[in-house]
Amino acid sequence: MWRELPRPQRLRIGGCAAYAAVLTWLCIRRLTRLMLYAAYRDLHSHILLVPLVAGYLLYIQRGSVLAFGSRSIVGTTLTGGIGLAALAAGIGWRGGVTLNDELALMALVV
């Protein structure tokens, strides 16, 4: 199925996979910290199920996942700006926020 796709779509999928890999690599310490935090808290234990549920939903909808929409520079810029603002807030408030607040800010960036 992969080889049957036109080259631009393969490049988009490859770029998306590379973006996800780089983002995971950059946030691996915080993601590990979040997983350990959630594993020992009954209130937050459902966080551990999110990757499994997302993977299952992607698996059952694998035929429609490849349907691409148009590119939106405005949406990309807006989303990137929100992520950068959350990152700046997390860095600026590093000493004054609780672990819950820091993990919530990290979730906005990711």
PDB file of N, CA and C in Angstrom:
ATOM      1  N   MET A   1       0.823  -1.188   0.000  1.00  0.00           N
ATOM      2  CA  MET A   1       0.000   0.000   0.000  1.00  0.00           C
ATOM      3  C   MET A   1       0.869   1.255   0.000  1.00  0.00           C
ATOM      4  N   TRP A   2       1.977   1.223   0.733  1.00  0.00           N
ATOM      5  CA  TRP A   2       2.872   2.379   0.833  1.00  0.00           C
ATOM      6  C   TRP A   2       3.454   2.735  -0.526  1.00  0.00           C
ATOM      7  N   ARG A   3       3.881   1.740  -1.279  1.00  0.00           N
ATOM      8  CA  ARG A   3       4.525   1.985  -2.573  1.00  0.00           C
ATOM      9  C   ARG A   3       3.541   2.452  -3.644  1.00  0.00           C
ATOM     10  N   GLU A   4       2.261   2.213  -3.440  1.00  0.00           N
ATOM     11  CA  GLU A   4       1.255   2.626  -4.408  1.00  0.00           C
ATOM     12  C   GLU A   4       0.899   4.107  -4.296  1.00  0.00           C
ATOM     13  N   LEU A   5       1.250   4.725  -3.196  1.00  0.00           N
ATOM     14  CA  LEU A   5       0.940   6.150  -2.994  1.00  0.00           C
ATOM     15  C   LEU A   5       1.823   7.019  -3.878  1.00  0.00           C
ATOM     16  N   PRO A   6       1.292   8.151  -4.330  1.00  0.00           N
ATOM     17  CA  PRO A   6       2.123   9.091  -5.081  1.00  0.00           C
ATOM     18  C   PRO A   6       3.235   9.654  -4.188  1.00  0.00           C
ATOM     19  N   ARG A   7       4.305  10.082  -4.819  1.00  0.00           N
ATOM     20  CA  ARG A   7       5.479  10.567  -4.087  1.00  0.00           C
ATOM     21  C   ARG A   7       5.155  11.698  -3.100  1.00  0.00           C
ATOM     22  N   PRO A   8       4.339  12.707  -3.466  1.00  0.00           N
ATOM     23  CA  PRO A   8       4.047  13.769  -2.484  1.00  0.00           C
ATOM     24  C   PRO A   8       3.380  13.256  -1.213  1.00  0.00           C
ATOM     25  N   GLN A   9       2.492  12.282  -1.338  1.00  0.00           N
ATOM     26  CA  GLN A   9       1.836  11.731  -0.150  1.00  0.00           C
ATOM     27  C   GLN A   9       2.812  10.926   0.696  1.00  0.00           C
ATOM     28  N   ARG A  10       3.709  10.188   0.047  1.00  0.00           N
ATOM     29  CA  ARG A  10       4.721   9.451   0.807  1.00  0.00           C
ATOM     30  C   ARG A  10       5.626  10.411   1.563  1.00  0.00           C
ATOM     31  N   LEU A  11       5.979  11.534   0.931  1.00  0.00           N
ATOM     32  CA  LEU A  11       6.818  12.531   1.602  1.00  0.00           C
ATOM     33  C   LEU A  11       6.093  13.148   2.796  1.00  0.00           C
ATOM     34  N   ARG A  12       4.798  13.407   2.656  1.00  0.00           N
ATOM     35  CA  ARG A  12       4.022  13.948   3.774  1.00  0.00           C
ATOM     36  C   ARG A  12       3.977  12.967   4.940  1.00  0.00           C
ATOM     37  N   ILE A  13       3.733  11.708   4.648  1.00  0.00           N
ATOM     38  CA  ILE A  13       3.678  10.701   5.706  1.00  0.00           C
ATOM     39  C   ILE A  13       5.045  10.557   6.364  1.00  0.00           C
ATOM     40  N   GLY A  14       6.092  10.536   5.558  1.00  0.00           N
ATOM     41  CA  GLY A  14       7.444  10.454   6.104  1.00  0.00           C
ATOM     42  C   GLY A  14       7.782  11.672   6.951  1.00  0.00           C
ATOM     43  N   GLY A  15       7.370  12.858   6.496  1.00  0.00           N
ATOM     44  CA  GLY A  15       7.596  14.079   7.271  1.00  0.00           C
ATOM     45  C   GLY A  15       6.839  14.065   8.580  1.00  0.00           C
ATOM     46  N   CYS A  16       5.619  13.577   8.552  1.00  0.00           N
ATOM     47  CA  CYS A  16       4.818  13.484   9.778  1.00  0.00           C
ATOM     48  C   CYS A  16       5.454  12.502  10.756  1.00  0.00           C
ATOM     49  N   ALA A  17       5.923  11.374  10.264  1.00  0.00           N
ATOM     50  CA  ALA A  17       6.588  10.396  11.131  1.00  0.00           C
ATOM     51  C   ALA A  17       7.880  10.962  11.711  1.00  0.00           C
ATOM     52  N   ALA A  18       8.649  11.681  10.888  1.00  0.00           N
ATOM     53  CA  ALA A  18       9.884  12.297  11.370  1.00  0.00           C
ATOM     54  C   ALA A  18       9.587  13.367  12.417  1.00  0.00           C
ATOM     55  N   TYR A  19       8.543  14.164  12.195  1.00  0.00           N
ATOM     56  CA  TYR A  19       8.143  15.196  13.157  1.00  0.00           C
ATOM     57  C   TYR A  19       7.762  14.560  14.490  1.00  0.00           C
ATOM     58  N   ALA A  20       6.981  13.486  14.440  1.00  0.00           N
ATOM     59  CA  ALA A  20       6.571  12.809  15.673  1.00  0.00           C
ATOM     60  C   ALA A  20       7.783  12.221  16.393  1.00  0.00           C
ATOM     61  N   ALA A  21       8.724  11.664  15.637  1.00  0.00           N
ATOM     62  CA  ALA A  21       9.922  11.087  16.250  1.00  0.00           C
ATOM     63  C   ALA A  21      10.782  12.168  16.901  1.00  0.00           C
ATOM     64  N   VAL A  22      10.982  13.288  16.237  1.00  0.00           N
ATOM     65  CA  VAL A  22      11.786  14.378  16.802  1.00  0.00           C
ATOM     66  C   VAL A  22      11.100  14.967  18.025  1.00  0.00           C
ATOM     67  N   LEU A  23       9.794  15.162  17.957  1.00  0.00           N
ATOM     68  CA  LEU A  23       9.053  15.712  19.093  1.00  0.00           C
ATOM     69  C   LEU A  23       9.120  14.771  20.292  1.00  0.00           C
ATOM     70  N   THR A  24       9.001  13.484  20.052  1.00  0.00           N
ATOM     71  CA  THR A  24       9.115  12.504  21.127  1.00  0.00           C
ATOM     72  C   THR A  24      10.512  12.519  21.719  1.00  0.00           C
ATOM     73  N   TRP A  25      11.527  12.579  20.865  1.00  0.00           N
ATOM     74  CA  TRP A  25      12.913  12.612  21.330  1.00  0.00           C
ATOM     75  C   TRP A  25      13.179  13.850  22.185  1.00  0.00           C
ATOM     76  N   LEU A  26      12.646  15.000  21.764  1.00  0.00           N
ATOM     77  CA  LEU A  26      12.857  16.231  22.516  1.00  0.00           C
ATOM     78  C   LEU A  26      12.151  16.214  23.877  1.00  0.00           C
ATOM     79  N   CYS A  27      11.039  15.512  23.967  1.00  0.00           N
ATOM     80  CA  CYS A  27      10.239  15.528  25.196  1.00  0.00           C
ATOM     81  C   CYS A  27      10.295  14.219  25.968  1.00  0.00           C
ATOM     82  N   ILE A  28      11.246  13.342  25.658  1.00  0.00           N
ATOM     83  CA  ILE A  28      11.247  12.010  26.255  1.00  0.00           C
ATOM     84  C   ILE A  28      11.399  12.050  27.777  1.00  0.00           C
ATOM     85  N   ARG A  29      12.205  12.970  28.302  1.00  0.00           N
ATOM     86  CA  ARG A  29      12.352  13.058  29.762  1.00  0.00           C
ATOM     87  C   ARG A  29      11.040  13.434  30.428  1.00  0.00           C
ATOM     88  N   ARG A  30      10.370  14.429  29.866  1.00  0.00           N
ATOM     89  CA  ARG A  30       9.108  14.867  30.457  1.00  0.00           C
ATOM     90  C   ARG A  30       8.006  13.836  30.260  1.00  0.00           C
ATOM     91  N   LEU A  31       8.006  13.171  29.108  1.00  0.00           N
ATOM     92  CA  LEU A  31       7.006  12.124  28.888  1.00  0.00           C
ATOM     93  C   LEU A  31       7.213  10.967  29.859  1.00  0.00           C
ATOM     94  N   THR A  32       8.463  10.606  30.103  1.00  0.00           N
ATOM     95  CA  THR A  32       8.755   9.552  31.067  1.00  0.00           C
ATOM     96  C   THR A  32       8.311   9.972  32.459  1.00  0.00           C
ATOM     97  N   ARG A  33       8.569  11.223  32.806  1.00  0.00           N
ATOM     98  CA  ARG A  33       8.156  11.752  34.104  1.00  0.00           C
ATOM     99  C   ARG A  33       6.632  11.739  34.236  1.00  0.00           C
ATOM    100  N   LEU A  34       5.942  12.097  33.145  1.00  0.00           N
ATOM    101  CA  LEU A  34       4.479  12.072  33.157  1.00  0.00           C
ATOM    102  C   LEU A  34       3.961  10.651  33.335  1.00  0.00           C
ATOM    103  N   MET A  35       4.556   9.695  32.647  1.00  0.00           N
ATOM    104  CA  MET A  35       4.118   8.304  32.760  1.00  0.00           C
ATOM    105  C   MET A  35       4.337   7.769  34.176  1.00  0.00           C
ATOM    106  N   LEU A  36       5.493   8.092  34.773  1.00  0.00           N
ATOM    107  CA  LEU A  36       5.751   7.649  36.144  1.00  0.00           C
ATOM    108  C   LEU A  36       4.793   8.317  37.127  1.00  0.00           C
ATOM    109  N   TYR A  37       4.524   9.581  36.911  1.00  0.00           N
ATOM    110  CA  TYR A  37       3.584  10.308  37.768  1.00  0.00           C
ATOM    111  C   TYR A  37       2.191   9.688  37.670  1.00  0.00           C
ATOM    112  N   ALA A  38       1.751   9.392  36.454  1.00  0.00           N
ATOM    113  CA  ALA A  38       0.413   8.834  36.249  1.00  0.00           C
ATOM    114  C   ALA A  38       0.308   7.407  36.769  1.00  0.00           C
ATOM    115  N   ALA A  39       1.396   6.666  36.722  1.00  0.00           N
ATOM    116  CA  ALA A  39       1.363   5.278  37.179  1.00  0.00           C
ATOM    117  C   ALA A  39       1.108   5.165  38.678  1.00  0.00           C
ATOM    118  N   TYR A  40       1.498   6.172  39.443  1.00  0.00           N
ATOM    119  CA  TYR A  40       1.353   6.114  40.890  1.00  0.00           C
ATOM    120  C   TYR A  40       0.208   6.963  41.424  1.00  0.00           C
ATOM    121  N   ARG A  41      -0.609   7.527  40.562  1.00  0.00           N
ATOM    122  CA  ARG A  41      -1.738   8.348  40.994  1.00  0.00           C
ATOM    123  C   ARG A  41      -3.030   7.760  40.416  1.00  0.00           C
ATOM    124  N   ASP A  42      -3.977   7.440  41.278  1.00  0.00           N
ATOM    125  CA  ASP A  42      -5.246   6.887  40.812  1.00  0.00           C
ATOM    126  C   ASP A  42      -6.006   7.882  39.947  1.00  0.00           C
ATOM    127  N   LEU A  43      -5.925   9.154  40.301  1.00  0.00           N
ATOM    128  CA  LEU A  43      -6.661  10.176  39.566  1.00  0.00           C
ATOM    129  C   LEU A  43      -6.161  10.324  38.127  1.00  0.00           C
ATOM    130  N   HIS A  44      -4.861  10.157  37.903  1.00  0.00           N
ATOM    131  CA  HIS A  44      -4.272  10.378  36.585  1.00  0.00           C
ATOM    132  C   HIS A  44      -3.900   9.088  35.859  1.00  0.00           C
ATOM    133  N   SER A  45      -4.285   7.944  36.375  1.00  0.00           N
ATOM    134  CA  SER A  45      -3.847   6.679  35.795  1.00  0.00           C
ATOM    135  C   SER A  45      -4.379   6.440  34.387  1.00  0.00           C
ATOM    136  N   HIS A  46      -5.454   7.111  33.999  1.00  0.00           N
ATOM    137  CA  HIS A  46      -6.006   6.935  32.655  1.00  0.00           C
ATOM    138  C   HIS A  46      -5.073   7.493  31.577  1.00  0.00           C
ATOM    139  N   ILE A  47      -4.135   8.345  31.940  1.00  0.00           N
ATOM    140  CA  ILE A  47      -3.196   8.914  30.972  1.00  0.00           C
ATOM    141  C   ILE A  47      -2.410   7.815  30.275  1.00  0.00           C
ATOM    142  N   LEU A  48      -2.132   6.737  30.990  1.00  0.00           N
ATOM    143  CA  LEU A  48      -1.365   5.637  30.407  1.00  0.00           C
ATOM    144  C   LEU A  48      -2.110   4.942  29.274  1.00  0.00           C
ATOM    145  N   LEU A  49      -3.431   5.081  29.231  1.00  0.00           N
ATOM    146  CA  LEU A  49      -4.226   4.431  28.188  1.00  0.00           C
ATOM    147  C   LEU A  49      -4.319   5.239  26.895  1.00  0.00           C
ATOM    148  N   VAL A  50      -3.984   6.510  26.951  1.00  0.00           N
ATOM    149  CA  VAL A  50      -4.144   7.377  25.781  1.00  0.00           C
ATOM    150  C   VAL A  50      -3.370   6.864  24.562  1.00  0.00           C
ATOM    151  N   PRO A  51      -2.080   6.492  24.671  1.00  0.00           N
ATOM    152  CA  PRO A  51      -1.390   5.976  23.479  1.00  0.00           C
ATOM    153  C   PRO A  51      -2.017   4.702  22.927  1.00  0.00           C
ATOM    154  N   LEU A  52      -2.502   3.842  23.815  1.00  0.00           N
ATOM    155  CA  LEU A  52      -3.126   2.598  23.351  1.00  0.00           C
ATOM    156  C   LEU A  52      -4.435   2.867  22.607  1.00  0.00           C
ATOM    157  N   VAL A  53      -5.258   3.747  23.147  1.00  0.00           N
ATOM    158  CA  VAL A  53      -6.525   4.081  22.501  1.00  0.00           C
ATOM    159  C   VAL A  53      -6.275   4.785  21.165  1.00  0.00           C
ATOM    160  N   ALA A  54      -5.319   5.707  21.146  1.00  0.00           N
ATOM    161  CA  ALA A  54      -4.999   6.408  19.899  1.00  0.00           C
ATOM    162  C   ALA A  54      -4.485   5.433  18.844  1.00  0.00           C
ATOM    163  N   GLY A  55      -3.619   4.504  19.251  1.00  0.00           N
ATOM    164  CA  GLY A  55      -3.123   3.493  18.320  1.00  0.00           C
ATOM    165  C   GLY A  55      -4.236   2.610  17.782  1.00  0.00           C
ATOM    166  N   TYR A  56      -5.166   2.212  18.649  1.00  0.00           N
ATOM    167  CA  TYR A  56      -6.297   1.396  18.221  1.00  0.00           C
ATOM    168  C   TYR A  56      -7.180   2.156  17.234  1.00  0.00           C
ATOM    169  N   LEU A  57      -7.469   3.420  17.531  1.00  0.00           N
ATOM    170  CA  LEU A  57      -8.308   4.214  16.626  1.00  0.00           C
ATOM    171  C   LEU A  57      -7.627   4.424  15.281  1.00  0.00           C
ATOM    172  N   LEU A  58      -6.332   4.644  15.284  1.00  0.00           N
ATOM    173  CA  LEU A  58      -5.602   4.759  14.018  1.00  0.00           C
ATOM    174  C   LEU A  58      -5.629   3.439  13.256  1.00  0.00           C
ATOM    175  N   TYR A  59      -5.545   2.331  13.978  1.00  0.00           N
ATOM    176  CA  TYR A  59      -5.563   1.019  13.329  1.00  0.00           C
ATOM    177  C   TYR A  59      -6.905   0.740  12.665  1.00  0.00           C
ATOM    178  N   ILE A  60      -8.012   1.016  13.351  1.00  0.00           N
ATOM    179  CA  ILE A  60      -9.316   0.697  12.762  1.00  0.00           C
ATOM    180  C   ILE A  60      -9.705   1.680  11.655  1.00  0.00           C
ATOM    181  N   GLN A  61      -9.094   2.870  11.648  1.00  0.00           N
ATOM    182  CA  GLN A  61      -9.388   3.861  10.610  1.00  0.00           C
ATOM    183  C   GLN A  61      -8.217   4.018   9.636  1.00  0.00           C
ATOM    184  N   ARG A  62      -7.391   2.980   9.504  1.00  0.00           N
ATOM    185  CA  ARG A  62      -6.175   3.101   8.699  1.00  0.00           C
ATOM    186  C   ARG A  62      -6.442   3.410   7.234  1.00  0.00           C
ATOM    187  N   GLY A  63      -7.586   3.059   6.704  1.00  0.00           N
ATOM    188  CA  GLY A  63      -7.901   3.364   5.313  1.00  0.00           C
ATOM    189  C   GLY A  63      -8.190   4.838   5.088  1.00  0.00           C
ATOM    190  N   SER A  64      -8.778   5.493   6.062  1.00  0.00           N
ATOM    191  CA  SER A  64      -9.139   6.898   5.891  1.00  0.00           C
ATOM    192  C   SER A  64      -8.081   7.858   6.431  1.00  0.00           C
ATOM    193  N   VAL A  65      -7.073   7.345   7.107  1.00  0.00           N
ATOM    194  CA  VAL A  65      -6.028   8.205   7.658  1.00  0.00           C
ATOM    195  C   VAL A  65      -5.233   8.864   6.540  1.00  0.00           C
ATOM    196  N   LEU A  66      -5.117   8.205   5.411  1.00  0.00           N
ATOM    197  CA  LEU A  66      -4.308   8.717   4.315  1.00  0.00           C
ATOM    198  C   LEU A  66      -5.001   9.808   3.506  1.00  0.00           C
ATOM    199  N   ALA A  67      -6.230  10.127   3.839  1.00  0.00           N
ATOM    200  CA  ALA A  67      -6.930  11.195   3.140  1.00  0.00           C
ATOM    201  C   ALA A  67      -6.415  12.538   3.660  1.00  0.00           C
ATOM    202  N   PHE A  68      -5.740  13.279   2.802  1.00  0.00           N
ATOM    203  CA  PHE A  68      -5.122  14.538   3.214  1.00  0.00           C
ATOM    204  C   PHE A  68      -6.002  15.715   2.841  1.00  0.00           C
ATOM    205  N   GLY A  69      -5.965  16.711   3.674  1.00  0.00           N
ATOM    206  CA  GLY A  69      -6.664  17.955   3.395  1.00  0.00           C
ATOM    207  C   GLY A  69      -5.698  18.969   2.808  1.00  0.00           C
ATOM    208  N   SER A  70      -6.174  20.166   2.646  1.00  0.00           N
ATOM    209  CA  SER A  70      -5.302  21.204   2.119  1.00  0.00           C
ATOM    210  C   SER A  70      -4.405  21.736   3.228  1.00  0.00           C
ATOM    211  N   ARG A  71      -3.329  22.369   2.850  1.00  0.00           N
ATOM    212  CA  ARG A  71      -2.404  22.938   3.830  1.00  0.00           C
ATOM    213  C   ARG A  71      -2.943  24.280   4.300  1.00  0.00           C
ATOM    214  N   SER A  72      -2.714  24.574   5.558  1.00  0.00           N
ATOM    215  CA  SER A  72      -3.184  25.824   6.122  1.00  0.00           C
ATOM    216  C   SER A  72      -2.044  26.496   6.857  1.00  0.00           C
ATOM    217  N   ILE A  73      -1.482  27.528   6.257  1.00  0.00           N
ATOM    218  CA  ILE A  73      -0.381  28.243   6.882  1.00  0.00           C
ATOM    219  C   ILE A  73      -0.873  29.002   8.115  1.00  0.00           C
ATOM    220  N   VAL A  74      -2.118  29.501   8.071  1.00  0.00           N
ATOM    221  CA  VAL A  74      -2.672  30.239   9.209  1.00  0.00           C
ATOM    222  C   VAL A  74      -2.846  29.300  10.406  1.00  0.00           C
ATOM    223  N   GLY A  75      -3.426  28.141  10.178  1.00  0.00           N
ATOM    224  CA  GLY A  75      -3.614  27.172  11.253  1.00  0.00           C
ATOM    225  C   GLY A  75      -2.290  26.681  11.817  1.00  0.00           C
ATOM    226  N   THR A  76      -1.330  26.451  10.938  1.00  0.00           N
ATOM    227  CA  THR A  76      -0.014  26.011  11.376  1.00  0.00           C
ATOM    228  C   THR A  76       0.655  27.080  12.226  1.00  0.00           C
ATOM    229  N   THR A  77       0.595  28.321  11.782  1.00  0.00           N
ATOM    230  CA  THR A  77       1.210  29.421  12.527  1.00  0.00           C
ATOM    231  C   THR A  77       0.518  29.620  13.871  1.00  0.00           C
ATOM    232  N   LEU A  78      -0.800  29.555  13.885  1.00  0.00           N
ATOM    233  CA  LEU A  78      -1.551  29.728  15.124  1.00  0.00           C
ATOM    234  C   LEU A  78      -1.230  28.616  16.124  1.00  0.00           C
ATOM    235  N   THR A  79      -1.237  27.383  15.667  1.00  0.00           N
ATOM    236  CA  THR A  79      -0.938  26.255  16.538  1.00  0.00           C
ATOM    237  C   THR A  79       0.502  26.319  17.042  1.00  0.00           C
ATOM    238  N   GLY A  80       1.427  26.645  16.164  1.00  0.00           N
ATOM    239  CA  GLY A  80       2.817  26.787  16.572  1.00  0.00           C
ATOM    240  C   GLY A  80       3.006  27.905  17.577  1.00  0.00           C
ATOM    241  N   GLY A  81       2.293  29.009  17.395  1.00  0.00           N
ATOM    242  CA  GLY A  81       2.376  30.128  18.338  1.00  0.00           C
ATOM    243  C   GLY A  81       1.861  29.755  19.717  1.00  0.00           C
ATOM    244  N   ILE A  82       0.767  29.009  19.765  1.00  0.00           N
ATOM    245  CA  ILE A  82       0.226  28.554  21.049  1.00  0.00           C
ATOM    246  C   ILE A  82       1.222  27.630  21.745  1.00  0.00           C
ATOM    247  N   GLY A  83       1.832  26.732  20.983  1.00  0.00           N
ATOM    248  CA  GLY A  83       2.829  25.825  21.557  1.00  0.00           C
ATOM    249  C   GLY A  83       4.048  26.570  22.076  1.00  0.00           C
ATOM    250  N   LEU A  84       4.527  27.548  21.315  1.00  0.00           N
ATOM    251  CA  LEU A  84       5.681  28.331  21.762  1.00  0.00           C
ATOM    252  C   LEU A  84       5.353  29.172  22.991  1.00  0.00           C
ATOM    253  N   ALA A  85       4.138  29.721  23.046  1.00  0.00           N
ATOM    254  CA  ALA A  85       3.726  30.487  24.228  1.00  0.00           C
ATOM    255  C   ALA A  85       3.671  29.592  25.464  1.00  0.00           C
ATOM    256  N   ALA A  86       3.157  28.380  25.308  1.00  0.00           N
ATOM    257  CA  ALA A  86       3.106  27.445  26.437  1.00  0.00           C
ATOM    258  C   ALA A  86       4.517  27.041  26.864  1.00  0.00           C
ATOM    259  N   LEU A  87       5.401  26.842  25.899  1.00  0.00           N
ATOM    260  CA  LEU A  87       6.783  26.505  26.222  1.00  0.00           C
ATOM    261  C   LEU A  87       7.463  27.647  26.960  1.00  0.00           C
ATOM    262  N   ALA A  88       7.264  28.868  26.489  1.00  0.00           N
ATOM    263  CA  ALA A  88       7.849  30.037  27.149  1.00  0.00           C
ATOM    264  C   ALA A  88       7.287  30.196  28.563  1.00  0.00           C
ATOM    265  N   ALA A  89       5.998  29.956  28.734  1.00  0.00           N
ATOM    266  CA  ALA A  89       5.391  30.045  30.065  1.00  0.00           C
ATOM    267  C   ALA A  89       5.976  28.987  30.989  1.00  0.00           C
ATOM    268  N   GLY A  90       6.163  27.791  30.479  1.00  0.00           N
ATOM    269  CA  GLY A  90       6.747  26.720  31.291  1.00  0.00           C
ATOM    270  C   GLY A  90       8.166  27.028  31.708  1.00  0.00           C
ATOM    271  N   ILE A  91       8.945  27.605  30.797  1.00  0.00           N
ATOM    272  CA  ILE A  91      10.325  27.964  31.123  1.00  0.00           C
ATOM    273  C   ILE A  91      10.354  29.138  32.097  1.00  0.00           C
ATOM    274  N   GLY A  92       9.507  30.131  31.865  1.00  0.00           N
ATOM    275  CA  GLY A  92       9.484  31.309  32.725  1.00  0.00           C
ATOM    276  C   GLY A  92       8.999  31.032  34.130  1.00  0.00           C
ATOM    277  N   TRP A  93       8.069  30.112  34.284  1.00  0.00           N
ATOM    278  CA  TRP A  93       7.484  29.817  35.589  1.00  0.00           C
ATOM    279  C   TRP A  93       8.063  28.550  36.205  1.00  0.00           C
ATOM    280  N   ARG A  94       9.205  28.138  35.746  1.00  0.00           N
ATOM    281  CA  ARG A  94       9.760  26.838  36.154  1.00  0.00           C
ATOM    282  C   ARG A  94       9.783  26.650  37.671  1.00  0.00           C
ATOM    283  N   GLY A  95      10.189  27.633  38.430  1.00  0.00           N
ATOM    284  CA  GLY A  95      10.283  27.473  39.879  1.00  0.00           C
ATOM    285  C   GLY A  95       8.967  27.679  40.603  1.00  0.00           C
ATOM    286  N   GLY A  96       7.999  28.346  39.975  1.00  0.00           N
ATOM    287  CA  GLY A  96       6.783  28.713  40.674  1.00  0.00           C
ATOM    288  C   GLY A  96       5.571  27.862  40.380  1.00  0.00           C
ATOM    289  N   VAL A  97       5.708  26.776  39.633  1.00  0.00           N
ATOM    290  CA  VAL A  97       4.547  25.947  39.311  1.00  0.00           C
ATOM    291  C   VAL A  97       4.701  24.570  39.939  1.00  0.00           C
ATOM    292  N   THR A  98       3.578  23.940  40.194  1.00  0.00           N
ATOM    293  CA  THR A  98       3.584  22.590  40.734  1.00  0.00           C
ATOM    294  C   THR A  98       3.845  21.594  39.613  1.00  0.00           C
ATOM    295  N   LEU A  99       4.048  20.350  39.979  1.00  0.00           N
ATOM    296  CA  LEU A  99       4.286  19.310  38.987  1.00  0.00           C
ATOM    297  C   LEU A  99       3.080  19.153  38.067  1.00  0.00           C
ATOM    298  N   ASN A 100       1.860  19.240  38.603  1.00  0.00           N
ATOM    299  CA  ASN A 100       0.653  19.153  37.781  1.00  0.00           C
ATOM    300  C   ASN A 100       0.626  20.251  36.732  1.00  0.00           C
ATOM    301  N   ASP A 101       0.942  21.492  37.141  1.00  0.00           N
ATOM    302  CA  ASP A 101       0.927  22.610  36.210  1.00  0.00           C
ATOM    303  C   ASP A 101       2.001  22.461  35.143  1.00  0.00           C
ATOM    304  N   GLU A 102       3.182  21.991  35.536  1.00  0.00           N
ATOM    305  CA  GLU A 102       4.259  21.802  34.571  1.00  0.00           C
ATOM    306  C   GLU A 102       3.890  20.749  33.537  1.00  0.00           C
ATOM    307  N   LEU A 103       3.276  19.653  33.983  1.00  0.00           N
ATOM    308  CA  LEU A 103       2.866  18.609  33.052  1.00  0.00           C
ATOM    309  C   LEU A 103       1.740  19.082  32.144  1.00  0.00           C
ATOM    310  N   ALA A 104       0.859  19.938  32.657  1.00  0.00           N
ATOM    311  CA  ALA A 104      -0.213  20.491  31.822  1.00  0.00           C
ATOM    312  C   ALA A 104       0.359  21.421  30.754  1.00  0.00           C
ATOM    313  N   LEU A 105       1.339  22.231  31.113  1.00  0.00           N
ATOM    314  CA  LEU A 105       1.983  23.090  30.120  1.00  0.00           C
ATOM    315  C   LEU A 105       2.706  22.264  29.071  1.00  0.00           C
ATOM    316  N   MET A 106       3.344  21.164  29.498  1.00  0.00           N
ATOM    317  CA  MET A 106       4.016  20.308  28.543  1.00  0.00           C
ATOM    318  C   MET A 106       3.025  19.671  27.584  1.00  0.00           C
ATOM    319  N   ALA A 107       1.838  19.338  28.064  1.00  0.00           N
ATOM    320  CA  ALA A 107       0.819  18.747  27.205  1.00  0.00           C
ATOM    321  C   ALA A 107       0.371  19.747  26.134  1.00  0.00           C
ATOM    322  N   LEU A 108       0.354  21.034  26.466  1.00  0.00           N
ATOM    323  CA  LEU A 108       0.005  22.043  25.464  1.00  0.00           C
ATOM    324  C   LEU A 108       1.050  22.132  24.367  1.00  0.00           C
ATOM    325  N   VAL A 109       2.322  21.975  24.740  1.00  0.00           N
ATOM    326  CA  VAL A 109       3.402  22.063  23.758  1.00  0.00           C
ATOM    327  C   VAL A 109       3.343  20.878  22.826  1.00  0.00           C
ATOM    328  N   VAL A 110       3.120  19.678  23.396  1.00  0.00           N
ATOM    329  CA  VAL A 110       3.083  18.475  22.580  1.00  0.00           C
ATOM    330  C   VAL A 110       1.798  18.460  21.813  1.00  0.00           C
TER     331      VAL A 110
END
